[in-house]
Amino acid sequence: MDERLTVLLPLAAVWLAAGVIADGLPRLDRARALRRRTGWLSALVLAGLALTAAVLAVGLQSAGTTALDRAAAGLTLAVAPALVVAVCTVRRIRWLWAGAGAFAAAPDTPAPHGLRAAAAHPLIGMPLQVTVLAMLGAVLPATGVDLFATPAVAGPATTVAVLGVIAVGVRHALRHNRLAERALPPATAASARAAGPLHV
């Protein structure tokens, strides 16, 4: 087994767990459950950012060929989505956690549609899931499957990756739009549907 996997697999597992939890947030219909899951998500995101930054920092400071150095080199694709997570997603998760706390006094308090729409915002789920895809691009070469090593395979692999990112973005935008319309008064929701299909 490639030694890089000892570094990349735990990191990928943290990001994958964060992506799965973020994807399930809008389906939670109780404020207390939403607050609890948002707390877990916050911890996982901060852990993922800290671990990614630590691996990259060690890799940049060293010019060697250790497993940590090679793992850091593989994380170059994950830098951009991880930065979006740090700049945009962390703040939205903090707002969502605070908002859910305002409704979580009683165990069975329903989560308002507006809160669920905030949980479905593309800037929460999409950057996390794109980071997971980028982590996959770092883990696969460490397992011996380097899709970008052969030009004949690199083109289709890049196309599939780009289409995957677009599909993730469209899915999050549509779900956010649907929940945001439910949060509006009926007359306003009808006007919003007439005005345009997406609200991001």
N, C-alpha and C. Protein backbone atom coordinates (compact mmCIF):
# COMPACT_ATOMS: atom_id res chain seq x y z
N MET A 1 0.85 -1.20 0.00
CA MET A 1 0.00 0.00 0.00
C MET A 1 0.88 1.25 0.00
N ASP A 2 0.51 2.19 -0.84
CA ASP A 2 1.25 3.45 -0.92
C ASP A 2 1.15 4.18 0.42
N GLU A 3 2.28 4.68 0.90
CA GLU A 3 2.30 5.36 2.20
C GLU A 3 1.46 6.64 2.20
N ARG A 4 1.22 7.20 1.02
CA ARG A 4 0.39 8.41 0.95
C ARG A 4 -1.02 8.15 1.48
N LEU A 5 -1.49 6.92 1.33
CA LEU A 5 -2.85 6.61 1.75
C LEU A 5 -3.03 6.78 3.25
N THR A 6 -1.96 6.58 4.02
CA THR A 6 -2.09 6.76 5.47
C THR A 6 -2.38 8.21 5.83
N VAL A 7 -2.00 9.13 4.94
CA VAL A 7 -2.28 10.55 5.14
C VAL A 7 -3.60 10.93 4.48
N LEU A 8 -3.82 10.46 3.25
CA LEU A 8 -4.95 10.92 2.46
C LEU A 8 -6.28 10.29 2.86
N LEU A 9 -6.26 9.02 3.24
CA LEU A 9 -7.53 8.34 3.56
C LEU A 9 -8.25 8.96 4.76
N PRO A 10 -7.56 9.21 5.89
CA PRO A 10 -8.28 9.88 7.00
C PRO A 10 -8.79 11.27 6.61
N LEU A 11 -7.98 11.99 5.83
CA LEU A 11 -8.40 13.32 5.39
C LEU A 11 -9.63 13.24 4.50
N ALA A 12 -9.60 12.29 3.55
CA ALA A 12 -10.74 12.10 2.66
C ALA A 12 -11.97 11.66 3.45
N ALA A 13 -11.78 10.83 4.48
CA ALA A 13 -12.91 10.37 5.29
C ALA A 13 -13.58 11.53 6.02
N VAL A 14 -12.78 12.47 6.53
CA VAL A 14 -13.35 13.64 7.22
C VAL A 14 -14.16 14.48 6.25
N TRP A 15 -13.61 14.75 5.07
CA TRP A 15 -14.34 15.56 4.09
C TRP A 15 -15.58 14.84 3.60
N LEU A 16 -15.50 13.52 3.41
CA LEU A 16 -16.66 12.76 2.95
C LEU A 16 -17.78 12.80 3.99
N ALA A 17 -17.42 12.64 5.26
CA ALA A 17 -18.42 12.71 6.32
C ALA A 17 -19.08 14.09 6.34
N ALA A 18 -18.28 15.14 6.17
CA ALA A 18 -18.84 16.50 6.14
C ALA A 18 -19.79 16.68 4.95
N GLY A 19 -19.39 16.15 3.80
CA GLY A 19 -20.25 16.26 2.61
C GLY A 19 -21.57 15.52 2.77
N VAL A 20 -21.52 14.34 3.40
CA VAL A 20 -22.75 13.56 3.60
C VAL A 20 -23.68 14.27 4.59
N ILE A 21 -23.12 14.77 5.68
CA ILE A 21 -23.95 15.47 6.67
C ILE A 21 -24.56 16.74 6.07
N ALA A 22 -23.76 17.50 5.32
CA ALA A 22 -24.28 18.72 4.69
C ALA A 22 -25.42 18.40 3.73
N ASP A 23 -25.30 17.29 3.00
CA ASP A 23 -26.33 16.93 2.05
C ASP A 23 -27.64 16.57 2.75
N GLY A 24 -27.55 16.05 3.96
CA GLY A 24 -28.76 15.65 4.67
C GLY A 24 -29.40 16.73 5.51
N LEU A 25 -28.74 17.86 5.69
CA LEU A 25 -29.30 18.92 6.55
C LEU A 25 -30.69 19.39 6.12
N PRO A 26 -30.94 19.67 4.82
CA PRO A 26 -32.26 20.19 4.46
C PRO A 26 -33.40 19.20 4.68
N ARG A 27 -33.09 17.93 4.83
CA ARG A 27 -34.15 16.93 5.04
C ARG A 27 -34.59 16.85 6.50
N LEU A 28 -33.85 17.49 7.40
CA LEU A 28 -34.20 17.44 8.82
C LEU A 28 -35.37 18.39 9.08
N ASP A 29 -36.44 17.86 9.67
CA ASP A 29 -37.63 18.69 9.87
C ASP A 29 -37.81 19.11 11.33
N ARG A 30 -36.82 18.88 12.18
CA ARG A 30 -36.87 19.31 13.57
C ARG A 30 -35.67 20.21 13.86
N ALA A 31 -35.95 21.34 14.53
CA ALA A 31 -34.91 22.34 14.76
C ALA A 31 -33.78 21.78 15.62
N ARG A 32 -34.11 20.97 16.63
CA ARG A 32 -33.05 20.45 17.50
C ARG A 32 -32.12 19.52 16.74
N ALA A 33 -32.69 18.65 15.89
CA ALA A 33 -31.86 17.76 15.08
C ALA A 33 -30.99 18.56 14.11
N LEU A 34 -31.55 19.62 13.54
CA LEU A 34 -30.79 20.47 12.62
C LEU A 34 -29.63 21.14 13.34
N ARG A 35 -29.87 21.62 14.55
CA ARG A 35 -28.79 22.26 15.31
C ARG A 35 -27.70 21.25 15.67
N ARG A 36 -28.11 20.04 16.08
CA ARG A 36 -27.12 19.03 16.45
C ARG A 36 -26.25 18.63 15.26
N ARG A 37 -26.91 18.37 14.11
CA ARG A 37 -26.15 17.98 12.91
C ARG A 37 -25.26 19.12 12.42
N THR A 38 -25.74 20.34 12.56
CA THR A 38 -24.92 21.49 12.15
C THR A 38 -23.69 21.60 13.04
N GLY A 39 -23.83 21.27 14.32
CA GLY A 39 -22.67 21.25 15.21
C GLY A 39 -21.66 20.20 14.79
N TRP A 40 -22.15 19.01 14.43
CA TRP A 40 -21.24 17.97 13.93
C TRP A 40 -20.55 18.42 12.66
N LEU A 41 -21.34 19.03 11.76
CA LEU A 41 -20.77 19.49 10.49
C LEU A 41 -19.69 20.54 10.73
N SER A 42 -19.94 21.46 11.65
CA SER A 42 -18.95 22.49 11.96
C SER A 42 -17.64 21.87 12.44
N ALA A 43 -17.75 20.88 13.33
CA ALA A 43 -16.54 20.22 13.84
C ALA A 43 -15.79 19.50 12.73
N LEU A 44 -16.51 18.81 11.85
CA LEU A 44 -15.86 18.08 10.76
C LEU A 44 -15.20 19.03 9.77
N VAL A 45 -15.88 20.13 9.45
CA VAL A 45 -15.32 21.10 8.50
C VAL A 45 -14.05 21.73 9.06
N LEU A 46 -14.09 22.12 10.32
CA LEU A 46 -12.90 22.72 10.93
C LEU A 46 -11.76 21.71 11.00
N ALA A 47 -12.09 20.45 11.29
CA ALA A 47 -11.05 19.40 11.32
C ALA A 47 -10.48 19.19 9.92
N GLY A 48 -11.35 19.14 8.92
CA GLY A 48 -10.86 18.96 7.55
C GLY A 48 -9.98 20.09 7.09
N LEU A 49 -10.37 21.33 7.40
CA LEU A 49 -9.55 22.48 7.02
C LEU A 49 -8.21 22.46 7.75
N ALA A 50 -8.24 22.14 9.04
CA ALA A 50 -6.99 22.13 9.82
C ALA A 50 -6.04 21.04 9.32
N LEU A 51 -6.57 19.85 9.05
CA LEU A 51 -5.72 18.76 8.59
C LEU A 51 -5.17 19.04 7.19
N THR A 52 -6.03 19.58 6.32
CA THR A 52 -5.57 19.91 4.96
C THR A 52 -4.48 20.97 5.01
N ALA A 53 -4.69 22.01 5.82
CA ALA A 53 -3.68 23.07 5.94
C ALA A 53 -2.39 22.52 6.52
N ALA A 54 -2.49 21.61 7.49
CA ALA A 54 -1.28 21.05 8.11
C ALA A 54 -0.48 20.24 7.10
N VAL A 55 -1.18 19.40 6.32
CA VAL A 55 -0.47 18.58 5.31
C VAL A 55 0.18 19.48 4.27
N LEU A 56 -0.55 20.49 3.80
CA LEU A 56 0.01 21.39 2.79
C LEU A 56 1.19 22.18 3.34
N ALA A 57 1.09 22.64 4.60
CA ALA A 57 2.17 23.42 5.19
C ALA A 57 3.44 22.58 5.31
N VAL A 58 3.30 21.34 5.77
CA VAL A 58 4.47 20.47 5.90
C VAL A 58 5.06 20.17 4.52
N GLY A 59 4.17 19.94 3.55
CA GLY A 59 4.66 19.65 2.20
C GLY A 59 5.38 20.82 1.57
N LEU A 60 4.93 22.05 1.84
CA LEU A 60 5.58 23.22 1.27
C LEU A 60 6.92 23.51 1.93
N GLN A 61 7.04 23.19 3.21
CA GLN A 61 8.28 23.47 3.93
C GLN A 61 9.38 22.46 3.63
N SER A 62 8.98 21.30 3.13
CA SER A 62 9.95 20.25 2.89
C SER A 62 10.07 19.99 1.39
N ALA A 63 11.28 19.76 0.95
CA ALA A 63 11.51 19.46 -0.46
C ALA A 63 11.82 17.98 -0.66
N GLY A 64 11.49 17.19 0.34
CA GLY A 64 11.79 15.77 0.29
C GLY A 64 10.76 14.98 -0.49
N THR A 65 10.90 13.66 -0.43
CA THR A 65 9.98 12.78 -1.16
C THR A 65 9.29 11.83 -0.18
N THR A 66 9.03 12.32 1.01
CA THR A 66 8.33 11.49 1.99
C THR A 66 6.86 11.34 1.59
N ALA A 67 6.17 10.44 2.28
CA ALA A 67 4.75 10.22 2.00
C ALA A 67 3.95 11.50 2.22
N LEU A 68 4.34 12.27 3.23
CA LEU A 68 3.63 13.52 3.52
C LEU A 68 3.83 14.53 2.41
N ASP A 69 5.05 14.59 1.87
CA ASP A 69 5.33 15.51 0.77
C ASP A 69 4.51 15.15 -0.46
N ARG A 70 4.48 13.84 -0.78
CA ARG A 70 3.73 13.41 -1.96
C ARG A 70 2.22 13.56 -1.75
N ALA A 71 1.77 13.37 -0.53
CA ALA A 71 0.35 13.60 -0.24
C ALA A 71 -0.01 15.07 -0.42
N ALA A 72 0.87 15.95 0.03
CA ALA A 72 0.63 17.39 -0.13
C ALA A 72 0.57 17.77 -1.60
N ALA A 73 1.43 17.16 -2.41
CA ALA A 73 1.41 17.45 -3.85
C ALA A 73 0.09 17.01 -4.48
N GLY A 74 -0.49 15.93 -3.96
CA GLY A 74 -1.75 15.46 -4.50
C GLY A 74 -2.95 16.31 -4.10
N LEU A 75 -2.77 17.17 -3.11
CA LEU A 75 -3.88 17.98 -2.61
C LEU A 75 -4.05 19.29 -3.36
N THR A 76 -3.28 19.51 -4.40
CA THR A 76 -3.35 20.80 -5.10
C THR A 76 -4.75 21.07 -5.66
N LEU A 77 -5.44 20.01 -6.13
CA LEU A 77 -6.79 20.20 -6.67
C LEU A 77 -7.79 20.59 -5.57
N ALA A 78 -7.51 20.19 -4.34
CA ALA A 78 -8.45 20.44 -3.24
C ALA A 78 -8.29 21.82 -2.63
N VAL A 79 -7.23 22.54 -3.01
CA VAL A 79 -6.97 23.84 -2.37
C VAL A 79 -8.09 24.84 -2.65
N ALA A 80 -8.50 24.96 -3.92
CA ALA A 80 -9.51 25.96 -4.28
C ALA A 80 -10.86 25.71 -3.59
N PRO A 81 -11.44 24.49 -3.68
CA PRO A 81 -12.72 24.30 -2.97
C PRO A 81 -12.58 24.41 -1.45
N ALA A 82 -11.42 24.00 -0.91
CA ALA A 82 -11.23 24.13 0.54
C ALA A 82 -11.18 25.60 0.95
N LEU A 83 -10.62 26.45 0.11
CA LEU A 83 -10.62 27.89 0.40
C LEU A 83 -12.04 28.45 0.39
N VAL A 84 -12.86 27.99 -0.56
CA VAL A 84 -14.27 28.43 -0.60
C VAL A 84 -14.98 27.98 0.68
N VAL A 85 -14.68 26.77 1.12
CA VAL A 85 -15.26 26.28 2.38
C VAL A 85 -14.86 27.19 3.53
N ALA A 86 -13.57 27.54 3.59
CA ALA A 86 -13.07 28.37 4.68
C ALA A 86 -13.68 29.77 4.66
N VAL A 87 -13.85 30.33 3.47
CA VAL A 87 -14.31 31.72 3.35
C VAL A 87 -15.84 31.83 3.45
N CYS A 88 -16.56 30.91 2.80
CA CYS A 88 -18.02 31.04 2.70
C CYS A 88 -18.79 30.04 3.56
N THR A 89 -18.40 28.77 3.49
CA THR A 89 -19.21 27.72 4.12
C THR A 89 -19.16 27.80 5.64
N VAL A 90 -17.99 28.03 6.20
CA VAL A 90 -17.86 28.08 7.67
C VAL A 90 -18.78 29.13 8.26
N ARG A 91 -18.83 30.29 7.63
CA ARG A 91 -19.68 31.38 8.13
C ARG A 91 -21.16 31.01 8.04
N ARG A 92 -21.57 30.38 6.93
CA ARG A 92 -22.97 30.00 6.78
C ARG A 92 -23.36 28.89 7.76
N ILE A 93 -22.45 27.98 8.02
CA ILE A 93 -22.73 26.93 9.00
C ILE A 93 -22.92 27.55 10.38
N ARG A 94 -22.09 28.54 10.72
CA ARG A 94 -22.22 29.21 12.02
C ARG A 94 -23.57 29.92 12.12
N TRP A 95 -24.00 30.60 11.05
CA TRP A 95 -25.31 31.26 11.04
C TRP A 95 -26.43 30.23 11.18
N LEU A 96 -26.31 29.12 10.47
CA LEU A 96 -27.34 28.09 10.52
C LEU A 96 -27.43 27.48 11.91
N TRP A 97 -26.29 27.25 12.54
CA TRP A 97 -26.28 26.69 13.90
C TRP A 97 -26.96 27.65 14.88
N ALA A 98 -26.66 28.94 14.76
CA ALA A 98 -27.29 29.93 15.63
C ALA A 98 -28.79 30.04 15.35
N GLY A 99 -29.17 30.01 14.07
CA GLY A 99 -30.58 30.10 13.72
C GLY A 99 -31.37 28.91 14.23
N ALA A 100 -30.80 27.71 14.10
CA ALA A 100 -31.48 26.51 14.60
C ALA A 100 -31.60 26.56 16.12
N GLY A 101 -30.62 27.16 16.78
CA GLY A 101 -30.68 27.26 18.24
C GLY A 101 -31.84 28.09 18.73
N ALA A 102 -32.26 29.06 17.91
CA ALA A 102 -33.39 29.90 18.31
C ALA A 102 -34.71 29.14 18.33
N PHE A 103 -34.77 27.99 17.62
CA PHE A 103 -36.01 27.21 17.56
C PHE A 103 -35.90 25.87 18.28
N ALA A 104 -34.75 25.60 18.89
CA ALA A 104 -34.48 24.25 19.40
C ALA A 104 -34.77 24.08 20.88
N ALA A 105 -35.52 24.99 21.49
CA ALA A 105 -35.80 24.89 22.93
C ALA A 105 -36.60 23.63 23.25
N ALA A 106 -37.58 23.32 22.42
CA ALA A 106 -38.40 22.12 22.61
C ALA A 106 -37.95 21.04 21.62
N PRO A 107 -37.97 19.77 22.04
CA PRO A 107 -37.44 18.71 21.18
C PRO A 107 -38.15 18.58 19.84
N ASP A 108 -39.47 18.82 19.81
CA ASP A 108 -40.25 18.57 18.60
C ASP A 108 -40.60 19.84 17.83
N THR A 109 -39.88 20.92 18.09
CA THR A 109 -40.14 22.15 17.35
C THR A 109 -39.79 21.95 15.88
N PRO A 110 -40.73 22.16 14.96
CA PRO A 110 -40.41 21.97 13.53
C PRO A 110 -39.37 23.00 13.07
N ALA A 111 -38.53 22.58 12.17
CA ALA A 111 -37.58 23.52 11.55
C ALA A 111 -38.31 24.32 10.49
N PRO A 112 -38.31 25.65 10.56
CA PRO A 112 -39.01 26.45 9.54
C PRO A 112 -38.42 26.20 8.15
N HIS A 113 -39.26 26.40 7.14
CA HIS A 113 -38.79 26.20 5.76
C HIS A 113 -37.63 27.15 5.44
N GLY A 114 -37.67 28.35 6.02
CA GLY A 114 -36.58 29.29 5.77
C GLY A 114 -35.25 28.77 6.29
N LEU A 115 -35.30 28.10 7.45
CA LEU A 115 -34.09 27.52 8.02
C LEU A 115 -33.59 26.35 7.18
N ARG A 116 -34.53 25.55 6.71
CA ARG A 116 -34.14 24.42 5.85
C ARG A 116 -33.62 24.93 4.50
N ALA A 117 -34.18 26.03 4.01
CA ALA A 117 -33.67 26.62 2.77
C ALA A 117 -32.24 27.12 2.97
N ALA A 118 -31.98 27.71 4.15
CA ALA A 118 -30.60 28.14 4.45
C ALA A 118 -29.67 26.94 4.52
N ALA A 119 -30.16 25.82 5.05
CA ALA A 119 -29.33 24.61 5.11
C ALA A 119 -29.05 24.05 3.72
N ALA A 120 -29.96 24.32 2.77
CA ALA A 120 -29.79 23.82 1.41
C ALA A 120 -29.03 24.78 0.51
N HIS A 121 -28.56 25.90 1.06
CA HIS A 121 -27.88 26.88 0.21
C HIS A 121 -26.67 26.24 -0.47
N PRO A 122 -26.48 26.50 -1.76
CA PRO A 122 -25.37 25.89 -2.49
C PRO A 122 -23.99 26.15 -1.88
N LEU A 123 -23.82 27.27 -1.18
CA LEU A 123 -22.51 27.58 -0.60
C LEU A 123 -22.23 26.78 0.67
N ILE A 124 -23.18 25.96 1.10
CA ILE A 124 -22.89 25.03 2.20
C ILE A 124 -22.50 23.67 1.64
N GLY A 125 -23.39 23.06 0.88
CA GLY A 125 -23.14 21.70 0.42
C GLY A 125 -22.18 21.59 -0.75
N MET A 126 -22.28 22.51 -1.71
CA MET A 126 -21.50 22.36 -2.93
C MET A 126 -19.99 22.42 -2.71
N PRO A 127 -19.46 23.42 -1.98
CA PRO A 127 -18.00 23.44 -1.79
C PRO A 127 -17.48 22.19 -1.07
N LEU A 128 -18.27 21.68 -0.12
CA LEU A 128 -17.85 20.47 0.59
C LEU A 128 -17.79 19.28 -0.35
N GLN A 129 -18.81 19.12 -1.19
CA GLN A 129 -18.84 17.97 -2.08
C GLN A 129 -17.83 18.09 -3.21
N VAL A 130 -17.55 19.30 -3.66
CA VAL A 130 -16.49 19.48 -4.65
C VAL A 130 -15.12 19.16 -4.03
N THR A 131 -14.95 19.51 -2.75
CA THR A 131 -13.71 19.15 -2.06
C THR A 131 -13.57 17.64 -1.97
N VAL A 132 -14.68 16.94 -1.74
CA VAL A 132 -14.64 15.47 -1.71
C VAL A 132 -14.20 14.93 -3.07
N LEU A 133 -14.73 15.50 -4.17
CA LEU A 133 -14.31 15.06 -5.50
C LEU A 133 -12.83 15.32 -5.73
N ALA A 134 -12.35 16.48 -5.26
CA ALA A 134 -10.92 16.80 -5.40
C ALA A 134 -10.07 15.84 -4.57
N MET A 135 -10.57 15.46 -3.39
CA MET A 135 -9.85 14.49 -2.56
C MET A 135 -9.79 13.14 -3.26
N LEU A 136 -10.85 12.79 -3.96
CA LEU A 136 -10.84 11.55 -4.73
C LEU A 136 -9.74 11.58 -5.79
N GLY A 137 -9.55 12.77 -6.39
CA GLY A 137 -8.47 12.92 -7.36
C GLY A 137 -7.09 12.79 -6.75
N ALA A 138 -6.97 12.98 -5.43
CA ALA A 138 -5.69 12.78 -4.75
C ALA A 138 -5.52 11.34 -4.30
N VAL A 139 -6.63 10.69 -3.92
CA VAL A 139 -6.55 9.32 -3.38
C VAL A 139 -6.32 8.30 -4.49
N LEU A 140 -6.97 8.48 -5.65
CA LEU A 140 -6.88 7.47 -6.71
C LEU A 140 -5.44 7.21 -7.17
N PRO A 141 -4.62 8.26 -7.44
CA PRO A 141 -3.23 7.96 -7.83
C PRO A 141 -2.46 7.20 -6.76
N ALA A 142 -2.79 7.44 -5.49
CA ALA A 142 -2.10 6.73 -4.41
C ALA A 142 -2.47 5.25 -4.38
N THR A 143 -3.64 4.92 -4.96
CA THR A 143 -4.04 3.51 -5.03
C THR A 143 -3.56 2.85 -6.31
N GLY A 144 -2.88 3.62 -7.17
CA GLY A 144 -2.37 3.07 -8.42
C GLY A 144 -3.26 3.35 -9.62
N VAL A 145 -4.34 4.09 -9.42
CA VAL A 145 -5.25 4.43 -10.53
C VAL A 145 -5.10 5.92 -10.82
N ASP A 146 -4.21 6.25 -11.74
CA ASP A 146 -3.98 7.65 -12.09
C ASP A 146 -4.66 7.95 -13.42
N LEU A 147 -5.86 8.53 -13.34
CA LEU A 147 -6.64 8.79 -14.55
C LEU A 147 -6.05 9.87 -15.43
N PHE A 148 -5.19 10.72 -14.83
CA PHE A 148 -4.65 11.84 -15.60
C PHE A 148 -3.24 11.57 -16.13
N ALA A 149 -2.75 10.35 -15.94
CA ALA A 149 -1.41 10.02 -16.42
C ALA A 149 -1.40 9.76 -17.92
N THR A 150 -2.49 9.24 -18.46
CA THR A 150 -2.57 8.92 -19.89
C THR A 150 -3.45 9.96 -20.59
N PRO A 151 -2.92 10.61 -21.63
CA PRO A 151 -3.71 11.64 -22.31
C PRO A 151 -5.05 11.14 -22.83
N ALA A 152 -5.10 9.88 -23.28
CA ALA A 152 -6.35 9.35 -23.83
C ALA A 152 -7.43 9.23 -22.76
N VAL A 153 -7.01 9.07 -21.52
CA VAL A 153 -7.98 8.94 -20.42
C VAL A 153 -8.19 10.26 -19.71
N ALA A 154 -7.16 11.13 -19.71
CA ALA A 154 -7.23 12.38 -18.96
C ALA A 154 -8.35 13.28 -19.48
N GLY A 155 -8.53 13.34 -20.80
CA GLY A 155 -9.59 14.19 -21.37
C GLY A 155 -10.98 13.79 -20.91
N PRO A 156 -11.38 12.53 -21.13
CA PRO A 156 -12.71 12.11 -20.65
C PRO A 156 -12.85 12.22 -19.13
N ALA A 157 -11.78 11.93 -18.38
CA ALA A 157 -11.86 12.02 -16.92
C ALA A 157 -12.10 13.46 -16.48
N THR A 158 -11.43 14.41 -17.14
CA THR A 158 -11.64 15.82 -16.82
C THR A 158 -13.06 16.25 -17.15
N THR A 159 -13.57 15.78 -18.30
CA THR A 159 -14.94 16.11 -18.70
C THR A 159 -15.95 15.59 -17.68
N VAL A 160 -15.76 14.34 -17.25
CA VAL A 160 -16.67 13.74 -16.27
C VAL A 160 -16.61 14.52 -14.95
N ALA A 161 -15.39 14.92 -14.55
CA ALA A 161 -15.25 15.68 -13.30
C ALA A 161 -15.96 17.02 -13.39
N VAL A 162 -15.81 17.72 -14.50
CA VAL A 162 -16.47 19.02 -14.67
C VAL A 162 -17.99 18.85 -14.69
N LEU A 163 -18.48 17.83 -15.40
CA LEU A 163 -19.92 17.58 -15.43
C LEU A 163 -20.44 17.22 -14.04
N GLY A 164 -19.62 16.50 -13.27
CA GLY A 164 -20.01 16.15 -11.91
C GLY A 164 -20.16 17.39 -11.04
N VAL A 165 -19.23 18.32 -11.17
CA VAL A 165 -19.30 19.57 -10.40
C VAL A 165 -20.54 20.37 -10.80
N ILE A 166 -20.81 20.44 -12.11
CA ILE A 166 -22.00 21.17 -12.57
C ILE A 166 -23.27 20.52 -12.04
N ALA A 167 -23.32 19.19 -12.08
CA ALA A 167 -24.51 18.48 -11.59
C ALA A 167 -24.73 18.73 -10.10
N VAL A 168 -23.65 18.73 -9.33
CA VAL A 168 -23.76 19.02 -7.90
C VAL A 168 -24.30 20.43 -7.67
N GLY A 169 -23.79 21.40 -8.43
CA GLY A 169 -24.25 22.78 -8.27
C GLY A 169 -25.71 22.95 -8.64
N VAL A 170 -26.13 22.35 -9.75
CA VAL A 170 -27.53 22.46 -10.18
C VAL A 170 -28.45 21.81 -9.17
N ARG A 171 -28.06 20.66 -8.66
CA ARG A 171 -28.89 19.96 -7.67
C ARG A 171 -29.10 20.80 -6.42
N HIS A 172 -28.02 21.39 -5.91
CA HIS A 172 -28.13 22.22 -4.71
C HIS A 172 -28.96 23.48 -4.98
N ALA A 173 -28.78 24.08 -6.15
CA ALA A 173 -29.54 25.30 -6.46
C ALA A 173 -31.03 25.01 -6.57
N LEU A 174 -31.39 23.89 -7.21
CA LEU A 174 -32.80 23.55 -7.34
C LEU A 174 -33.44 23.23 -5.99
N ARG A 175 -32.71 22.52 -5.15
CA ARG A 175 -33.26 22.18 -3.84
C ARG A 175 -33.42 23.44 -2.97
N HIS A 176 -32.43 24.32 -3.03
CA HIS A 176 -32.53 25.57 -2.29
C HIS A 176 -33.72 26.40 -2.77
N ASN A 177 -33.90 26.45 -4.08
CA ASN A 177 -35.00 27.20 -4.66
C ASN A 177 -36.34 26.65 -4.19
N ARG A 178 -36.48 25.33 -4.17
CA ARG A 178 -37.75 24.72 -3.77
C ARG A 178 -38.08 25.03 -2.31
N LEU A 179 -37.09 24.91 -1.44
CA LEU A 179 -37.33 25.18 -0.02
C LEU A 179 -37.54 26.67 0.24
N ALA A 180 -36.84 27.53 -0.50
CA ALA A 180 -37.01 28.97 -0.33
C ALA A 180 -38.42 29.39 -0.73
N GLU A 181 -38.99 28.77 -1.78
CA GLU A 181 -40.36 29.09 -2.18
C GLU A 181 -41.36 28.69 -1.10
N ARG A 182 -41.11 27.56 -0.43
CA ARG A 182 -42.02 27.13 0.63
C ARG A 182 -42.00 28.11 1.81
N ALA A 183 -40.88 28.79 1.99
CA ALA A 183 -40.77 29.73 3.10
C ALA A 183 -41.48 31.04 2.84
N LEU A 184 -41.83 31.31 1.57
CA LEU A 184 -42.48 32.58 1.22
C LEU A 184 -44.00 32.47 1.39
N PRO A 185 -44.68 33.60 1.63
CA PRO A 185 -46.15 33.59 1.59
C PRO A 185 -46.63 33.13 0.23
N PRO A 186 -47.84 32.53 0.12
CA PRO A 186 -48.30 31.96 -1.15
C PRO A 186 -48.23 32.92 -2.33
N ALA A 187 -48.66 34.17 -2.15
CA ALA A 187 -48.66 35.13 -3.27
C ALA A 187 -47.24 35.43 -3.71
N THR A 188 -46.35 35.58 -2.73
CA THR A 188 -44.95 35.88 -3.07
C THR A 188 -44.30 34.70 -3.75
N ALA A 189 -44.63 33.48 -3.29
CA ALA A 189 -44.06 32.28 -3.90
C ALA A 189 -44.49 32.16 -5.36
N ALA A 190 -45.75 32.48 -5.64
CA ALA A 190 -46.23 32.42 -7.02
C ALA A 190 -45.49 33.43 -7.89
N SER A 191 -45.26 34.62 -7.36
CA SER A 191 -44.51 35.65 -8.10
C SER A 191 -43.08 35.20 -8.35
N ALA A 192 -42.47 34.54 -7.35
CA ALA A 192 -41.09 34.06 -7.49
C ALA A 192 -41.00 33.00 -8.56
N ARG A 193 -42.01 32.10 -8.62
CA ARG A 193 -41.98 31.06 -9.66
C ARG A 193 -42.11 31.69 -11.05
N ALA A 194 -42.90 32.73 -11.14
CA ALA A 194 -43.06 33.39 -12.43
C ALA A 194 -41.83 34.17 -12.84
N ALA A 195 -41.09 34.68 -11.84
CA ALA A 195 -39.94 35.54 -12.14
C ALA A 195 -38.76 34.74 -12.64
N GLY A 196 -38.52 33.56 -12.11
CA GLY A 196 -37.35 32.81 -12.52
C GLY A 196 -37.24 31.51 -11.78
N PRO A 197 -36.50 30.54 -12.35
CA PRO A 197 -36.45 29.21 -11.75
C PRO A 197 -35.51 29.05 -10.61
N LEU A 198 -34.52 29.93 -10.44
CA LEU A 198 -33.49 29.70 -9.45
C LEU A 198 -33.34 30.90 -8.51
N HIS A 199 -33.14 30.59 -7.23
CA HIS A 199 -32.83 31.63 -6.25
C HIS A 199 -31.64 31.12 -5.46
N VAL A 200 -30.47 31.61 -5.72
CA VAL A 200 -29.27 31.17 -5.02
C VAL A 200 -28.64 32.32 -4.28
